[in-house]
Amino acid sequence: MLKVLLKGKYFYHILQQRHNELLQQDCLCEELRIKLRVKAVYHSSKAVELGSRI
């Protein structure tokens, strides 16, 4: 049961990372681009952390 929950969290963070990276590519405002990059890096680090626990 715990493994299923960890996989769900892992895929959620991967999805959010990719979503933020796509938004960042289309963004015109530099300030918003930086915020999206920070979010993408956060989700990437959480995905790596969860991936090591699976």
PDB file of N, CA and C in Angstrom:
ATOM      1  N   MET A   1       0.820  -1.193   0.000  1.00  0.00           N
ATOM      2  CA  MET A   1       0.000   0.000   0.000  1.00  0.00           C
ATOM      3  C   MET A   1       0.863   1.255   0.000  1.00  0.00           C
ATOM      4  N   LEU A   2       1.917   1.242   0.811  1.00  0.00           N
ATOM      5  CA  LEU A   2       2.794   2.403   0.900  1.00  0.00           C
ATOM      6  C   LEU A   2       3.527   2.641  -0.424  1.00  0.00           C
ATOM      7  N   LYS A   3       3.886   1.546  -1.079  1.00  0.00           N
ATOM      8  CA  LYS A   3       4.591   1.670  -2.350  1.00  0.00           C
ATOM      9  C   LYS A   3       3.712   2.319  -3.425  1.00  0.00           C
ATOM     10  N   VAL A   4       2.445   2.009  -3.424  1.00  0.00           N
ATOM     11  CA  VAL A   4       1.506   2.604  -4.378  1.00  0.00           C
ATOM     12  C   VAL A   4       1.383   4.103  -4.124  1.00  0.00           C
ATOM     13  N   LEU A   5       1.328   4.495  -2.862  1.00  0.00           N
ATOM     14  CA  LEU A   5       1.250   5.902  -2.500  1.00  0.00           C
ATOM     15  C   LEU A   5       2.515   6.646  -2.931  1.00  0.00           C
ATOM     16  N   LEU A   6       3.671   6.029  -2.722  1.00  0.00           N
ATOM     17  CA  LEU A   6       4.928   6.653  -3.133  1.00  0.00           C
ATOM     18  C   LEU A   6       5.007   6.809  -4.650  1.00  0.00           C
ATOM     19  N   LYS A   7       4.536   5.814  -5.381  1.00  0.00           N
ATOM     20  CA  LYS A   7       4.537   5.905  -6.843  1.00  0.00           C
ATOM     21  C   LYS A   7       3.596   7.012  -7.320  1.00  0.00           C
ATOM     22  N   GLY A   8       2.452   7.140  -6.657  1.00  0.00           N
ATOM     23  CA  GLY A   8       1.519   8.202  -7.007  1.00  0.00           C
ATOM     24  C   GLY A   8       2.122   9.578  -6.783  1.00  0.00           C
ATOM     25  N   LYS A   9       2.781   9.764  -5.653  1.00  0.00           N
ATOM     26  CA  LYS A   9       3.441  11.040  -5.363  1.00  0.00           C
ATOM     27  C   LYS A   9       4.564  11.302  -6.364  1.00  0.00           C
ATOM     28  N   TYR A  10       5.308  10.243  -6.706  1.00  0.00           N
ATOM     29  CA  TYR A  10       6.410  10.367  -7.662  1.00  0.00           C
ATOM     30  C   TYR A  10       5.896  10.868  -9.012  1.00  0.00           C
ATOM     31  N   PHE A  11       4.844  10.239  -9.515  1.00  0.00           N
ATOM     32  CA  PHE A  11       4.313  10.630 -10.817  1.00  0.00           C
ATOM     33  C   PHE A  11       3.662  12.016 -10.776  1.00  0.00           C
ATOM     34  N   TYR A  12       3.091  12.380  -9.638  1.00  0.00           N
ATOM     35  CA  TYR A  12       2.535  13.727  -9.488  1.00  0.00           C
ATOM     36  C   TYR A  12       3.646  14.769  -9.632  1.00  0.00           C
ATOM     37  N   HIS A  13       4.776  14.545  -8.974  1.00  0.00           N
ATOM     38  CA  HIS A  13       5.872  15.511  -9.036  1.00  0.00           C
ATOM     39  C   HIS A  13       6.504  15.554 -10.430  1.00  0.00           C
ATOM     40  N   ILE A  14       6.589  14.422 -11.094  1.00  0.00           N
ATOM     41  CA  ILE A  14       7.101  14.394 -12.470  1.00  0.00           C
ATOM     42  C   ILE A  14       6.167  15.194 -13.382  1.00  0.00           C
ATOM     43  N   LEU A  15       4.867  14.991 -13.218  1.00  0.00           N
ATOM     44  CA  LEU A  15       3.883  15.706 -14.030  1.00  0.00           C
ATOM     45  C   LEU A  15       3.975  17.210 -13.787  1.00  0.00           C
ATOM     46  N   GLN A  16       4.062  17.622 -12.535  1.00  0.00           N
ATOM     47  CA  GLN A  16       4.147  19.044 -12.209  1.00  0.00           C
ATOM     48  C   GLN A  16       5.451  19.658 -12.727  1.00  0.00           C
ATOM     49  N   GLN A  17       6.527  18.906 -12.657  1.00  0.00           N
ATOM     50  CA  GLN A  17       7.812  19.406 -13.167  1.00  0.00           C
ATOM     51  C   GLN A  17       7.715  19.669 -14.668  1.00  0.00           C
ATOM     52  N   ARG A  18       7.208  18.711 -15.403  1.00  0.00           N
ATOM     53  CA  ARG A  18       7.090  18.867 -16.860  1.00  0.00           C
ATOM     54  C   ARG A  18       6.124  19.984 -17.232  1.00  0.00           C
ATOM     55  N   HIS A  19       5.035  20.096 -16.477  1.00  0.00           N
ATOM     56  CA  HIS A  19       4.052  21.154 -16.726  1.00  0.00           C
ATOM     57  C   HIS A  19       4.693  22.532 -16.534  1.00  0.00           C
ATOM     58  N   ASN A  20       5.420  22.700 -15.443  1.00  0.00           N
ATOM     59  CA  ASN A  20       6.062  23.989 -15.181  1.00  0.00           C
ATOM     60  C   ASN A  20       7.146  24.306 -16.211  1.00  0.00           C
ATOM     61  N   GLU A  21       7.856  23.295 -16.677  1.00  0.00           N
ATOM     62  CA  GLU A  21       8.868  23.521 -17.707  1.00  0.00           C
ATOM     63  C   GLU A  21       8.227  23.962 -19.020  1.00  0.00           C
ATOM     64  N   LEU A  22       7.091  23.367 -19.367  1.00  0.00           N
ATOM     65  CA  LEU A  22       6.393  23.775 -20.586  1.00  0.00           C
ATOM     66  C   LEU A  22       5.860  25.197 -20.469  1.00  0.00           C
ATOM     67  N   LEU A  23       5.290  25.536 -19.321  1.00  0.00           N
ATOM     68  CA  LEU A  23       4.818  26.898 -19.110  1.00  0.00           C
ATOM     69  C   LEU A  23       5.974  27.898 -19.175  1.00  0.00           C
ATOM     70  N   GLN A  24       7.097  27.502 -18.654  1.00  0.00           N
ATOM     71  CA  GLN A  24       8.276  28.364 -18.638  1.00  0.00           C
ATOM     72  C   GLN A  24       8.741  28.671 -20.056  1.00  0.00           C
ATOM     73  N   GLN A  25       8.677  27.717 -20.941  1.00  0.00           N
ATOM     74  CA  GLN A  25       9.119  27.919 -22.320  1.00  0.00           C
ATOM     75  C   GLN A  25       8.250  28.935 -23.050  1.00  0.00           C
ATOM     76  N   ASP A  26       6.952  28.957 -22.737  1.00  0.00           N
ATOM     77  CA  ASP A  26       6.021  29.852 -23.424  1.00  0.00           C
ATOM     78  C   ASP A  26       5.851  31.203 -22.731  1.00  0.00           C
ATOM     79  N   CYS A  27       6.484  31.361 -21.594  1.00  0.00           N
ATOM     80  CA  CYS A  27       6.284  32.566 -20.792  1.00  0.00           C
ATOM     81  C   CYS A  27       7.053  33.749 -21.379  1.00  0.00           C
ATOM     82  N   LEU A  28       6.416  34.916 -21.367  1.00  0.00           N
ATOM     83  CA  LEU A  28       7.048  36.129 -21.864  1.00  0.00           C
ATOM     84  C   LEU A  28       7.652  36.965 -20.745  1.00  0.00           C
ATOM     85  N   CYS A  29       7.093  36.879 -19.559  1.00  0.00           N
ATOM     86  CA  CYS A  29       7.546  37.669 -18.416  1.00  0.00           C
ATOM     87  C   CYS A  29       8.728  36.964 -17.741  1.00  0.00           C
ATOM     88  N   GLU A  30       9.833  37.665 -17.608  1.00  0.00           N
ATOM     89  CA  GLU A  30      11.035  37.070 -17.017  1.00  0.00           C
ATOM     90  C   GLU A  30      10.831  36.723 -15.544  1.00  0.00           C
ATOM     91  N   GLU A  31      10.102  37.539 -14.822  1.00  0.00           N
ATOM     92  CA  GLU A  31       9.854  37.281 -13.403  1.00  0.00           C
ATOM     93  C   GLU A  31       9.048  35.995 -13.211  1.00  0.00           C
ATOM     94  N   LEU A  32       8.018  35.818 -14.021  1.00  0.00           N
ATOM     95  CA  LEU A  32       7.207  34.605 -13.950  1.00  0.00           C
ATOM     96  C   LEU A  32       8.017  33.389 -14.391  1.00  0.00           C
ATOM     97  N   ARG A  33       8.877  33.556 -15.371  1.00  0.00           N
ATOM     98  CA  ARG A  33       9.722  32.465 -15.843  1.00  0.00           C
ATOM     99  C   ARG A  33      10.624  31.955 -14.717  1.00  0.00           C
ATOM    100  N   ILE A  34      11.147  32.871 -13.921  1.00  0.00           N
ATOM    101  CA  ILE A  34      12.008  32.476 -12.806  1.00  0.00           C
ATOM    102  C   ILE A  34      11.207  31.710 -11.757  1.00  0.00           C
ATOM    103  N   LYS A  35       9.992  32.173 -11.462  1.00  0.00           N
ATOM    104  CA  LYS A  35       9.141  31.477 -10.490  1.00  0.00           C
ATOM    105  C   LYS A  35       8.804  30.066 -10.964  1.00  0.00           C
ATOM    106  N   LEU A  36       8.506  29.932 -12.244  1.00  0.00           N
ATOM    107  CA  LEU A  36       8.186  28.608 -12.789  1.00  0.00           C
ATOM    108  C   LEU A  36       9.396  27.693 -12.755  1.00  0.00           C
ATOM    109  N   ARG A  37      10.577  28.254 -12.991  1.00  0.00           N
ATOM    110  CA  ARG A  37      11.807  27.454 -12.945  1.00  0.00           C
ATOM    111  C   ARG A  37      12.056  26.946 -11.529  1.00  0.00           C
ATOM    112  N   VAL A  38      11.813  27.801 -10.529  1.00  0.00           N
ATOM    113  CA  VAL A  38      11.984  27.393  -9.133  1.00  0.00           C
ATOM    114  C   VAL A  38      11.025  26.251  -8.793  1.00  0.00           C
ATOM    115  N   LYS A  39       9.783  26.359  -9.248  1.00  0.00           N
ATOM    116  CA  LYS A  39       8.806  25.300  -9.009  1.00  0.00           C
ATOM    117  C   LYS A  39       9.226  23.998  -9.694  1.00  0.00           C
ATOM    118  N   ALA A  40       9.730  24.100 -10.914  1.00  0.00           N
ATOM    119  CA  ALA A  40      10.160  22.905 -11.642  1.00  0.00           C
ATOM    120  C   ALA A  40      11.329  22.223 -10.930  1.00  0.00           C
ATOM    121  N   VAL A  41      12.253  23.014 -10.420  1.00  0.00           N
ATOM    122  CA  VAL A  41      13.400  22.449  -9.698  1.00  0.00           C
ATOM    123  C   VAL A  41      12.933  21.773  -8.415  1.00  0.00           C
ATOM    124  N   TYR A  42      11.980  22.385  -7.720  1.00  0.00           N
ATOM    125  CA  TYR A  42      11.432  21.784  -6.496  1.00  0.00           C
ATOM    126  C   TYR A  42      10.811  20.423  -6.800  1.00  0.00           C
ATOM    127  N   HIS A  43       9.958  20.370  -7.815  1.00  0.00           N
ATOM    128  CA  HIS A  43       9.289  19.109  -8.144  1.00  0.00           C
ATOM    129  C   HIS A  43      10.286  18.072  -8.640  1.00  0.00           C
ATOM    130  N   SER A  44      11.310  18.505  -9.315  1.00  0.00           N
ATOM    131  CA  SER A  44      12.350  17.584  -9.761  1.00  0.00           C
ATOM    132  C   SER A  44      13.074  16.964  -8.577  1.00  0.00           C
ATOM    133  N   SER A  45      13.412  17.776  -7.598  1.00  0.00           N
ATOM    134  CA  SER A  45      14.126  17.253  -6.430  1.00  0.00           C
ATOM    135  C   SER A  45      13.237  16.302  -5.627  1.00  0.00           C
ATOM    136  N   LYS A  46      11.946  16.627  -5.506  1.00  0.00           N
ATOM    137  CA  LYS A  46      11.037  15.728  -4.803  1.00  0.00           C
ATOM    138  C   LYS A  46      10.871  14.409  -5.553  1.00  0.00           C
ATOM    139  N   ALA A  47      10.842  14.465  -6.876  1.00  0.00           N
ATOM    140  CA  ALA A  47      10.717  13.239  -7.671  1.00  0.00           C
ATOM    141  C   ALA A  47      11.953  12.365  -7.496  1.00  0.00           C
ATOM    142  N   VAL A  48      13.118  12.975  -7.475  1.00  0.00           N
ATOM    143  CA  VAL A  48      14.353  12.211  -7.273  1.00  0.00           C
ATOM    144  C   VAL A  48      14.351  11.574  -5.884  1.00  0.00           C
ATOM    145  N   GLU A  49      13.927  12.328  -4.889  1.00  0.00           N
ATOM    146  CA  GLU A  49      13.854  11.815  -3.514  1.00  0.00           C
ATOM    147  C   GLU A  49      12.895  10.634  -3.420  1.00  0.00           C
ATOM    148  N   LEU A  50      11.717  10.783  -4.007  1.00  0.00           N
ATOM    149  CA  LEU A  50      10.727   9.705  -3.966  1.00  0.00           C
ATOM    150  C   LEU A  50      11.168   8.525  -4.824  1.00  0.00           C
ATOM    151  N   GLY A  51      11.823   8.795  -5.940  1.00  0.00           N
ATOM    152  CA  GLY A  51      12.291   7.723  -6.811  1.00  0.00           C
ATOM    153  C   GLY A  51      13.312   6.826  -6.127  1.00  0.00           C
ATOM    154  N   SER A  52      14.104   7.402  -5.254  1.00  0.00           N
ATOM    155  CA  SER A  52      15.100   6.609  -4.548  1.00  0.00           C
ATOM    156  C   SER A  52      14.466   5.738  -3.464  1.00  0.00           C
ATOM    157  N   ARG A  53      13.281   6.117  -3.009  1.00  0.00           N
ATOM    158  CA  ARG A  53      12.600   5.371  -1.956  1.00  0.00           C
ATOM    159  C   ARG A  53      11.720   4.254  -2.509  1.00  0.00           C
ATOM    160  N   ILE A  54      11.434   4.302  -3.804  1.00  0.00           N
ATOM    161  CA  ILE A  54      10.537   3.275  -4.402  1.00  0.00           C
ATOM    162  C   ILE A  54      11.281   1.968  -4.559  1.00  0.00           C
TER     163      ILE A  54
END
